[in-house]
N, C-alpha and C. Protein backbone atom coordinates (compact mmCIF):
# COMPACT_ATOMS: atom_id res chain seq x y z
N UNK A 1 104.31 115.67 102.03
CA UNK A 1 104.88 116.59 101.08
C UNK A 1 104.11 116.43 99.78
N UNK A 2 103.75 117.52 99.14
CA UNK A 2 103.06 117.47 97.85
C UNK A 2 104.08 117.75 96.75
N UNK A 3 104.06 116.89 95.75
CA UNK A 3 104.91 117.08 94.58
C UNK A 3 104.03 116.86 93.36
N UNK A 4 103.92 117.86 92.51
CA UNK A 4 103.14 117.72 91.28
C UNK A 4 101.71 117.27 91.52
N UNK A 5 101.11 117.69 92.61
CA UNK A 5 99.73 117.34 92.88
C UNK A 5 99.57 115.98 93.55
N UNK A 6 100.65 115.22 93.71
CA UNK A 6 100.57 113.92 94.36
C UNK A 6 101.25 113.99 95.71
N UNK A 7 100.63 113.36 96.69
CA UNK A 7 101.19 113.33 98.03
C UNK A 7 102.23 112.23 98.11
N UNK A 8 103.42 112.56 98.58
CA UNK A 8 104.48 111.58 98.79
C UNK A 8 104.79 111.55 100.27
N UNK A 9 104.85 110.37 100.83
CA UNK A 9 105.20 110.21 102.24
C UNK A 9 106.61 109.66 102.28
N UNK A 10 107.50 110.33 102.96
CA UNK A 10 108.88 109.92 103.06
C UNK A 10 109.12 109.43 104.48
N UNK A 11 109.55 108.16 104.60
CA UNK A 11 109.73 107.54 105.90
C UNK A 11 111.10 106.88 105.93
N UNK A 12 111.94 107.21 106.91
CA UNK A 12 113.25 106.58 107.04
C UNK A 12 113.07 105.22 107.69
N UNK A 13 113.87 104.18 107.37
CA UNK A 13 115.01 104.21 106.48
C UNK A 13 114.63 104.05 105.01
N UNK A 14 113.37 104.01 104.69
CA UNK A 14 112.94 103.91 103.31
C UNK A 14 112.70 105.32 102.80
N UNK A 15 113.35 105.71 101.73
CA UNK A 15 113.20 107.07 101.26
C UNK A 15 113.00 107.10 99.76
N UNK A 16 112.29 108.09 99.30
CA UNK A 16 112.11 108.29 97.88
C UNK A 16 113.26 109.16 97.41
N UNK A 17 114.20 108.54 96.71
CA UNK A 17 115.39 109.25 96.30
C UNK A 17 115.88 108.71 94.97
N UNK A 18 116.76 109.42 94.35
CA UNK A 18 117.46 108.92 93.16
C UNK A 18 118.88 108.59 93.57
N UNK A 19 119.29 107.34 93.40
CA UNK A 19 120.62 106.93 93.75
C UNK A 19 121.42 106.63 92.50
N UNK A 20 122.66 107.08 92.44
CA UNK A 20 123.54 106.70 91.34
C UNK A 20 123.98 105.27 91.59
N UNK A 21 123.90 104.43 90.57
CA UNK A 21 124.27 103.03 90.73
C UNK A 21 125.30 102.65 89.69
N UNK A 22 126.26 101.81 90.05
CA UNK A 22 127.27 101.40 89.10
C UNK A 22 126.68 100.50 88.02
N UNK A 23 127.29 100.52 86.83
CA UNK A 23 126.80 99.72 85.70
C UNK A 23 126.83 98.23 86.02
N UNK A 24 127.72 97.79 86.91
CA UNK A 24 127.85 96.38 87.23
C UNK A 24 126.92 95.92 88.36
N UNK A 25 126.02 96.77 88.81
CA UNK A 25 125.15 96.46 89.94
C UNK A 25 124.26 95.25 89.65
N UNK A 26 123.95 94.50 90.72
CA UNK A 26 123.04 93.38 90.60
C UNK A 26 121.63 93.94 90.41
N UNK A 27 120.87 93.30 89.53
CA UNK A 27 119.52 93.77 89.25
C UNK A 27 118.52 92.62 89.28
N UNK A 28 117.26 93.00 89.45
CA UNK A 28 116.16 92.05 89.45
C UNK A 28 114.92 92.77 88.93
N UNK A 29 113.84 92.01 88.76
CA UNK A 29 112.59 92.61 88.29
C UNK A 29 111.41 91.78 88.76
N UNK A 30 110.24 92.37 88.64
CA UNK A 30 108.99 91.68 88.92
C UNK A 30 107.92 92.27 88.01
N UNK A 31 107.12 91.42 87.42
CA UNK A 31 105.95 91.86 86.65
C UNK A 31 104.74 91.64 87.53
N UNK A 32 104.03 92.73 87.84
CA UNK A 32 102.88 92.64 88.72
C UNK A 32 101.61 92.40 87.92
N UNK A 33 100.81 91.45 88.40
CA UNK A 33 99.53 91.12 87.76
C UNK A 33 98.43 91.17 88.79
N UNK A 34 97.22 91.48 88.31
CA UNK A 34 96.06 91.46 89.21
C UNK A 34 95.51 90.03 89.28
N UNK A 35 94.44 89.83 90.04
CA UNK A 35 93.89 88.48 90.25
C UNK A 35 93.37 87.84 88.97
N UNK A 36 93.05 88.65 87.95
CA UNK A 36 92.58 88.09 86.67
C UNK A 36 93.74 87.73 85.75
N UNK A 37 94.97 88.03 86.17
CA UNK A 37 96.14 87.75 85.35
C UNK A 37 96.58 88.88 84.46
N UNK A 38 95.89 90.02 84.53
CA UNK A 38 96.24 91.18 83.72
C UNK A 38 97.48 91.87 84.30
N UNK A 39 98.44 92.19 83.42
CA UNK A 39 99.62 92.91 83.86
C UNK A 39 99.24 94.34 84.22
N UNK A 40 99.61 94.75 85.44
CA UNK A 40 99.28 96.09 85.92
C UNK A 40 100.51 96.90 86.31
N UNK A 41 101.69 96.29 86.24
CA UNK A 41 102.88 97.04 86.60
C UNK A 41 104.15 96.25 86.48
N UNK A 42 105.24 96.99 86.61
CA UNK A 42 106.58 96.40 86.60
C UNK A 42 107.41 97.05 87.69
N UNK A 43 108.30 96.24 88.27
CA UNK A 43 109.25 96.75 89.25
C UNK A 43 110.64 96.35 88.80
N UNK A 44 111.54 97.31 88.79
CA UNK A 44 112.95 97.07 88.52
C UNK A 44 113.70 97.33 89.81
N UNK A 45 114.57 96.40 90.20
CA UNK A 45 115.32 96.50 91.44
C UNK A 45 116.81 96.53 91.12
N UNK A 46 117.54 97.41 91.81
CA UNK A 46 118.98 97.52 91.62
C UNK A 46 119.65 97.60 92.98
N UNK A 47 120.67 96.76 93.17
CA UNK A 47 121.47 96.81 94.39
C UNK A 47 122.32 98.07 94.34
N UNK A 48 122.34 98.83 95.44
CA UNK A 48 123.15 100.04 95.55
C UNK A 48 123.99 99.93 96.82
N UNK A 49 124.92 100.84 97.03
CA UNK A 49 125.68 100.81 98.29
C UNK A 49 124.81 101.06 99.53
N UNK A 50 123.56 101.49 99.33
CA UNK A 50 122.69 101.84 100.46
C UNK A 50 121.43 100.99 100.53
N UNK A 51 121.42 99.84 99.86
CA UNK A 51 120.25 98.98 99.85
C UNK A 51 119.76 98.77 98.44
N UNK A 52 118.49 98.47 98.29
CA UNK A 52 117.92 98.19 96.98
C UNK A 52 117.05 99.36 96.54
N UNK A 53 117.31 99.84 95.33
CA UNK A 53 116.49 100.87 94.71
C UNK A 53 115.44 100.17 93.86
N UNK A 54 114.17 100.45 94.16
CA UNK A 54 113.05 99.86 93.44
C UNK A 54 112.40 100.95 92.60
N UNK A 55 112.30 100.70 91.30
CA UNK A 55 111.58 101.60 90.39
C UNK A 55 110.28 100.89 90.02
N UNK A 56 109.16 101.45 90.43
CA UNK A 56 107.85 100.83 90.23
C UNK A 56 107.04 101.67 89.26
N UNK A 57 106.45 101.00 88.26
CA UNK A 57 105.55 101.66 87.31
C UNK A 57 104.25 100.89 87.28
N UNK A 58 103.14 101.60 87.47
CA UNK A 58 101.81 100.99 87.41
C UNK A 58 101.01 101.65 86.31
N UNK A 59 100.16 100.86 85.63
CA UNK A 59 99.24 101.37 84.60
C UNK A 59 97.92 100.66 84.74
N UNK A 60 96.82 101.41 84.62
CA UNK A 60 95.50 100.81 84.72
C UNK A 60 95.22 100.26 86.11
N UNK A 61 95.75 100.91 87.11
CA UNK A 61 95.64 100.43 88.49
C UNK A 61 94.56 101.22 89.21
N UNK A 62 93.85 100.60 90.17
CA UNK A 62 92.83 101.35 90.92
C UNK A 62 93.44 102.52 91.69
N UNK A 63 92.80 103.67 91.57
CA UNK A 63 93.27 104.88 92.25
C UNK A 63 93.12 104.72 93.76
N UNK A 64 93.97 105.43 94.49
CA UNK A 64 93.87 105.45 95.94
C UNK A 64 95.18 105.15 96.62
N UNK A 65 95.16 105.23 97.94
CA UNK A 65 96.33 104.93 98.74
C UNK A 65 96.42 103.42 98.92
N UNK A 66 97.58 102.85 98.59
CA UNK A 66 97.76 101.40 98.58
C UNK A 66 99.04 101.02 99.32
N UNK A 67 98.93 100.00 100.15
CA UNK A 67 100.12 99.43 100.78
C UNK A 67 100.84 98.55 99.77
N UNK A 68 102.17 98.52 99.87
CA UNK A 68 102.92 97.50 99.13
C UNK A 68 104.09 97.04 99.96
N UNK A 69 104.39 95.75 99.79
CA UNK A 69 105.41 95.10 100.62
C UNK A 69 106.14 94.05 99.80
N UNK A 70 107.33 93.69 100.29
CA UNK A 70 107.98 92.47 99.84
C UNK A 70 107.42 91.36 100.72
N UNK A 71 106.98 90.26 100.09
CA UNK A 71 106.44 89.11 100.83
C UNK A 71 107.43 87.96 100.77
N UNK A 72 107.31 87.04 101.74
CA UNK A 72 108.33 86.03 102.01
C UNK A 72 108.40 84.85 101.05
N UNK A 73 107.45 84.69 100.14
CA UNK A 73 107.45 83.55 99.22
C UNK A 73 107.25 84.06 97.80
N UNK A 74 108.04 83.55 96.90
CA UNK A 74 107.97 83.95 95.50
C UNK A 74 106.91 83.18 94.72
N UNK A 75 105.65 83.32 95.15
CA UNK A 75 104.51 82.72 94.46
C UNK A 75 103.39 83.74 94.39
N UNK A 76 102.71 83.78 93.25
CA UNK A 76 101.63 84.75 93.07
C UNK A 76 100.40 84.07 92.48
N UNK A 77 99.81 83.18 93.25
CA UNK A 77 98.58 82.51 92.83
C UNK A 77 97.41 83.24 93.47
N UNK A 78 96.48 83.82 92.65
CA UNK A 78 95.36 84.58 93.22
C UNK A 78 94.61 83.74 94.25
N UNK A 79 94.19 84.34 95.34
CA UNK A 79 94.22 85.76 95.72
C UNK A 79 95.52 86.20 96.38
N UNK A 80 96.61 85.55 96.04
CA UNK A 80 97.97 85.94 96.43
C UNK A 80 98.35 85.61 97.87
N UNK A 81 97.55 84.80 98.55
CA UNK A 81 97.95 84.31 99.87
C UNK A 81 99.19 83.43 99.74
N UNK A 82 99.41 82.90 98.55
CA UNK A 82 100.58 82.04 98.28
C UNK A 82 101.89 82.78 98.51
N UNK A 83 101.87 84.10 98.52
CA UNK A 83 103.09 84.90 98.73
C UNK A 83 103.49 84.95 100.21
N UNK A 84 102.69 84.37 101.09
CA UNK A 84 103.01 84.34 102.51
C UNK A 84 102.91 85.71 103.16
N UNK A 85 103.55 85.84 104.30
CA UNK A 85 103.55 87.10 105.05
C UNK A 85 104.62 88.05 104.53
N UNK A 86 104.77 89.15 105.21
CA UNK A 86 105.79 90.12 104.83
C UNK A 86 107.18 89.51 105.00
N UNK A 87 108.10 89.89 104.12
CA UNK A 87 109.48 89.44 104.22
C UNK A 87 110.05 90.01 105.51
N UNK A 88 110.48 89.12 106.42
CA UNK A 88 110.84 89.55 107.77
C UNK A 88 111.96 88.68 108.34
N UNK A 89 113.12 88.64 107.67
CA UNK A 89 114.19 87.75 108.14
C UNK A 89 114.71 88.11 109.53
N UNK A 90 114.50 89.32 109.98
CA UNK A 90 114.98 89.74 111.30
C UNK A 90 114.02 89.48 112.43
N UNK A 91 112.82 88.95 112.12
CA UNK A 91 111.83 88.66 113.16
C UNK A 91 111.32 89.90 113.88
N UNK A 92 111.24 91.01 113.15
CA UNK A 92 110.80 92.28 113.76
C UNK A 92 109.28 92.40 113.74
N UNK A 93 108.75 93.37 114.45
CA UNK A 93 107.32 93.68 114.41
C UNK A 93 107.02 94.46 113.14
N UNK A 94 105.75 94.46 112.75
CA UNK A 94 105.35 95.21 111.57
C UNK A 94 105.24 96.69 111.89
N UNK A 95 105.67 97.50 110.95
CA UNK A 95 105.36 98.92 111.00
C UNK A 95 106.54 99.82 111.27
N UNK A 96 106.58 100.87 110.50
CA UNK A 96 107.63 101.87 110.63
C UNK A 96 107.40 102.80 111.82
N UNK A 97 106.20 102.72 112.42
CA UNK A 97 105.87 103.62 113.52
C UNK A 97 105.84 102.92 114.87
N UNK A 98 106.41 101.69 114.96
CA UNK A 98 106.39 100.97 116.23
C UNK A 98 107.80 100.62 116.68
N UNK A 99 107.98 100.55 117.98
CA UNK A 99 109.25 100.07 118.52
C UNK A 99 109.39 98.61 118.12
N UNK A 100 110.57 98.21 117.73
CA UNK A 100 110.79 96.83 117.31
C UNK A 100 110.39 96.56 115.88
N UNK A 101 110.00 97.59 115.12
CA UNK A 101 109.65 97.45 113.70
C UNK A 101 110.74 98.07 112.88
N UNK A 102 110.76 97.89 111.67
CA UNK A 102 109.76 97.34 110.76
C UNK A 102 110.29 96.05 110.13
N UNK A 103 109.37 95.30 109.49
CA UNK A 103 109.80 94.17 108.67
C UNK A 103 110.71 94.69 107.57
N UNK A 104 111.62 93.86 107.11
CA UNK A 104 112.48 94.25 105.98
C UNK A 104 111.63 94.54 104.74
N UNK A 105 110.49 93.87 104.61
CA UNK A 105 109.63 94.05 103.44
C UNK A 105 108.64 95.19 103.55
N UNK A 106 108.59 95.89 104.67
CA UNK A 106 107.67 97.01 104.82
C UNK A 106 108.12 98.17 103.93
N UNK A 107 107.19 98.75 103.21
CA UNK A 107 107.47 99.85 102.30
C UNK A 107 106.46 100.98 102.56
N UNK A 108 106.77 102.20 102.14
CA UNK A 108 105.80 103.29 102.30
C UNK A 108 104.62 103.11 101.34
N UNK A 109 103.47 103.63 101.72
CA UNK A 109 102.28 103.52 100.88
C UNK A 109 102.47 104.19 99.53
N UNK A 110 101.74 103.67 98.55
CA UNK A 110 101.68 104.27 97.22
C UNK A 110 100.44 105.15 97.16
N UNK A 111 100.51 106.21 96.38
CA UNK A 111 99.36 107.09 96.17
C UNK A 111 99.08 107.09 94.67
N UNK A 112 98.16 106.22 94.24
CA UNK A 112 97.86 106.06 92.82
C UNK A 112 96.84 107.12 92.42
N UNK A 113 97.18 107.96 91.43
CA UNK A 113 96.25 109.02 91.02
C UNK A 113 95.05 108.46 90.25
N UNK A 114 94.08 109.32 89.98
CA UNK A 114 92.83 108.93 89.32
C UNK A 114 93.05 108.28 87.97
N UNK A 115 94.12 108.63 87.25
CA UNK A 115 94.35 108.02 85.93
C UNK A 115 94.93 106.62 86.02
N UNK A 116 95.24 106.13 87.23
CA UNK A 116 95.71 104.77 87.42
C UNK A 116 97.15 104.52 87.02
N UNK A 117 97.90 105.60 86.76
CA UNK A 117 99.30 105.46 86.37
C UNK A 117 100.19 106.09 87.43
N UNK A 118 101.25 105.38 87.79
CA UNK A 118 102.16 105.86 88.82
C UNK A 118 103.55 105.33 88.51
N UNK A 119 104.53 106.20 88.62
CA UNK A 119 105.94 105.80 88.56
C UNK A 119 106.61 106.40 89.78
N UNK A 120 107.31 105.55 90.53
CA UNK A 120 107.94 106.00 91.76
C UNK A 120 109.24 105.22 91.97
N UNK A 121 110.20 105.87 92.63
CA UNK A 121 111.43 105.21 93.05
C UNK A 121 111.46 105.20 94.57
N UNK A 122 111.76 104.02 95.13
CA UNK A 122 111.81 103.86 96.58
C UNK A 122 113.07 103.07 96.92
N UNK A 123 113.82 103.54 97.90
CA UNK A 123 114.99 102.81 98.37
C UNK A 123 114.63 102.05 99.64
N UNK A 124 115.04 100.78 99.69
CA UNK A 124 114.82 99.97 100.88
C UNK A 124 116.19 99.51 101.38
N UNK A 125 116.63 100.07 102.49
CA UNK A 125 117.94 99.75 103.06
C UNK A 125 117.94 98.44 103.83
N UNK A 126 116.78 97.81 104.01
CA UNK A 126 116.67 96.60 104.83
C UNK A 126 116.76 95.31 104.02
N UNK A 127 116.82 95.40 102.69
CA UNK A 127 116.90 94.20 101.86
C UNK A 127 118.13 94.28 100.96
N UNK A 128 118.46 93.13 100.35
CA UNK A 128 119.58 93.08 99.41
C UNK A 128 119.27 92.08 98.30
N UNK A 129 119.98 92.23 97.18
CA UNK A 129 119.91 91.28 96.08
C UNK A 129 121.11 90.34 96.11
N UNK A 130 121.96 90.47 97.13
CA UNK A 130 123.18 89.68 97.24
C UNK A 130 122.86 88.31 97.85
N UNK A 131 123.25 87.26 97.14
CA UNK A 131 123.04 85.88 97.62
C UNK A 131 123.73 85.64 98.95
N UNK A 132 123.11 84.79 99.77
CA UNK A 132 123.74 84.33 101.00
C UNK A 132 123.59 85.24 102.20
N UNK A 133 123.07 86.43 102.01
CA UNK A 133 122.85 87.33 103.15
C UNK A 133 121.48 87.02 103.75
N UNK A 134 121.31 87.18 105.06
CA UNK A 134 120.02 86.86 105.69
C UNK A 134 118.86 87.69 105.14
N UNK A 135 119.14 88.90 104.68
CA UNK A 135 118.08 89.78 104.18
C UNK A 135 118.00 89.78 102.65
N UNK A 136 118.56 88.75 102.01
CA UNK A 136 118.50 88.66 100.55
C UNK A 136 117.11 88.23 100.09
N UNK A 137 116.59 88.89 99.07
CA UNK A 137 115.30 88.49 98.50
C UNK A 137 115.44 87.20 97.69
N UNK A 138 116.70 86.77 97.47
CA UNK A 138 116.95 85.52 96.74
C UNK A 138 117.29 84.39 97.70
N UNK A 139 116.36 84.10 98.60
CA UNK A 139 116.47 82.96 99.51
C UNK A 139 115.73 81.79 98.86
N UNK A 140 115.81 80.57 99.40
CA UNK A 140 115.23 79.40 98.73
C UNK A 140 113.75 79.49 98.35
N UNK A 141 112.93 80.20 99.15
CA UNK A 141 111.50 80.31 98.84
C UNK A 141 111.17 81.46 97.90
N UNK A 142 112.16 82.29 97.58
CA UNK A 142 111.91 83.44 96.72
C UNK A 142 111.17 84.54 97.46
N UNK A 143 110.85 85.59 96.72
CA UNK A 143 110.19 86.76 97.30
C UNK A 143 109.22 87.33 96.26
N UNK A 144 108.15 87.93 96.72
CA UNK A 144 107.18 88.58 95.84
C UNK A 144 106.93 90.00 96.31
N UNK A 145 106.52 90.85 95.37
CA UNK A 145 106.05 92.19 95.69
C UNK A 145 104.53 92.14 95.62
N UNK A 146 103.88 92.61 96.66
CA UNK A 146 102.41 92.57 96.73
C UNK A 146 101.88 93.97 96.99
N UNK A 147 100.83 94.33 96.25
CA UNK A 147 100.12 95.59 96.49
C UNK A 147 98.76 95.23 97.06
N UNK A 148 98.37 95.98 98.09
CA UNK A 148 97.13 95.70 98.82
C UNK A 148 96.02 96.69 98.44
N UNK A 149 94.79 96.33 98.80
CA UNK A 149 93.61 97.15 98.47
C UNK A 149 93.58 98.46 99.25
N UNK A 150 94.13 98.47 100.44
CA UNK A 150 94.09 99.67 101.27
C UNK A 150 95.47 100.11 101.70
N UNK A 151 95.54 101.18 102.46
CA UNK A 151 96.83 101.68 102.94
C UNK A 151 97.33 100.87 104.14
N UNK A 152 98.63 100.88 104.32
CA UNK A 152 99.26 100.32 105.51
C UNK A 152 99.15 101.38 106.61
N UNK A 153 98.75 100.96 107.80
CA UNK A 153 98.67 101.93 108.90
C UNK A 153 100.01 102.08 109.63
N UNK A 154 101.03 101.36 109.20
CA UNK A 154 102.40 101.42 109.72
C UNK A 154 102.54 100.98 111.17
N UNK A 155 101.52 100.30 111.72
CA UNK A 155 101.65 99.88 113.11
C UNK A 155 100.98 98.56 113.46
N UNK A 156 99.92 98.16 112.79
CA UNK A 156 99.21 96.93 113.15
C UNK A 156 100.04 95.72 112.74
N UNK A 157 100.37 94.87 113.71
CA UNK A 157 101.19 93.68 113.47
C UNK A 157 100.26 92.50 113.21
N UNK A 158 100.48 91.68 112.20
CA UNK A 158 101.65 91.64 111.34
C UNK A 158 101.45 92.23 109.95
N UNK A 159 100.28 92.81 109.64
CA UNK A 159 99.99 93.15 108.24
C UNK A 159 99.82 94.63 107.94
N UNK A 160 99.70 95.46 108.94
CA UNK A 160 99.45 96.87 108.69
C UNK A 160 98.01 97.17 108.37
N UNK A 161 97.12 96.15 108.55
CA UNK A 161 95.69 96.33 108.31
C UNK A 161 95.44 96.86 106.90
N UNK A 162 96.19 96.32 105.93
CA UNK A 162 96.19 96.84 104.56
C UNK A 162 95.14 96.24 103.64
N UNK A 163 94.42 95.24 104.09
CA UNK A 163 93.35 94.69 103.27
C UNK A 163 93.82 93.62 102.29
N UNK A 164 92.91 93.31 101.36
CA UNK A 164 93.16 92.26 100.38
C UNK A 164 94.39 92.54 99.54
N UNK A 165 94.93 91.50 98.98
CA UNK A 165 96.07 91.59 98.07
C UNK A 165 95.51 91.69 96.66
N UNK A 166 95.81 92.78 95.96
CA UNK A 166 95.18 93.00 94.65
C UNK A 166 96.14 92.89 93.48
N UNK A 167 97.44 92.83 93.74
CA UNK A 167 98.43 92.63 92.67
C UNK A 167 99.66 91.96 93.27
N UNK A 168 100.35 91.17 92.43
CA UNK A 168 101.50 90.43 92.92
C UNK A 168 102.48 90.19 91.79
N UNK A 169 103.77 90.21 92.10
CA UNK A 169 104.81 89.89 91.13
C UNK A 169 105.98 89.21 91.82
N UNK A 170 106.45 88.11 91.24
CA UNK A 170 107.59 87.37 91.78
C UNK A 170 108.87 88.08 91.39
N UNK A 171 109.77 88.27 92.34
CA UNK A 171 111.06 88.90 92.10
C UNK A 171 111.99 87.88 91.45
N UNK A 172 112.53 88.22 90.27
CA UNK A 172 113.44 87.34 89.54
C UNK A 172 114.69 88.12 89.14
N UNK A 173 115.77 87.40 88.95
CA UNK A 173 117.01 88.02 88.51
C UNK A 173 116.89 88.47 87.06
N UNK A 174 117.65 89.50 86.72
CA UNK A 174 117.75 89.95 85.33
C UNK A 174 118.87 89.21 84.68
């Protein structure tokens, strides 16, 4: 679907939507940095009745189609391998296009325009900000948001063939 000259891919159960959230909702955030330590984006997360709403803003980011995922460890030491694999508490296969998929941390690709600025809202029904739940991003090892150099192919297990990790941010409570 084209909106304002940008291609948006909508994939269930992850959808690009605006959700009304109560003022008392649990919230979190992540500041994304590139391998040189430069801040390239922010993510705001809000618990909703239908999962977590993520508001992502990027500035000065390389243009192109980019994979992004929640990763299983809340560490962002370049080249970001410290963030571990995709967040996958259910032990599922990678990819929204495969039987037995997707990881809870699998997200739809981002389409960063030539000016390097992007703001998008994405709902992820497979994760939560609620403590003690198996799919909570607030487990003992923490969680990170990682953006990759290339697009996710939505099927190659376990990574989506998305390439190097070019930005990372640890998810923290507000």
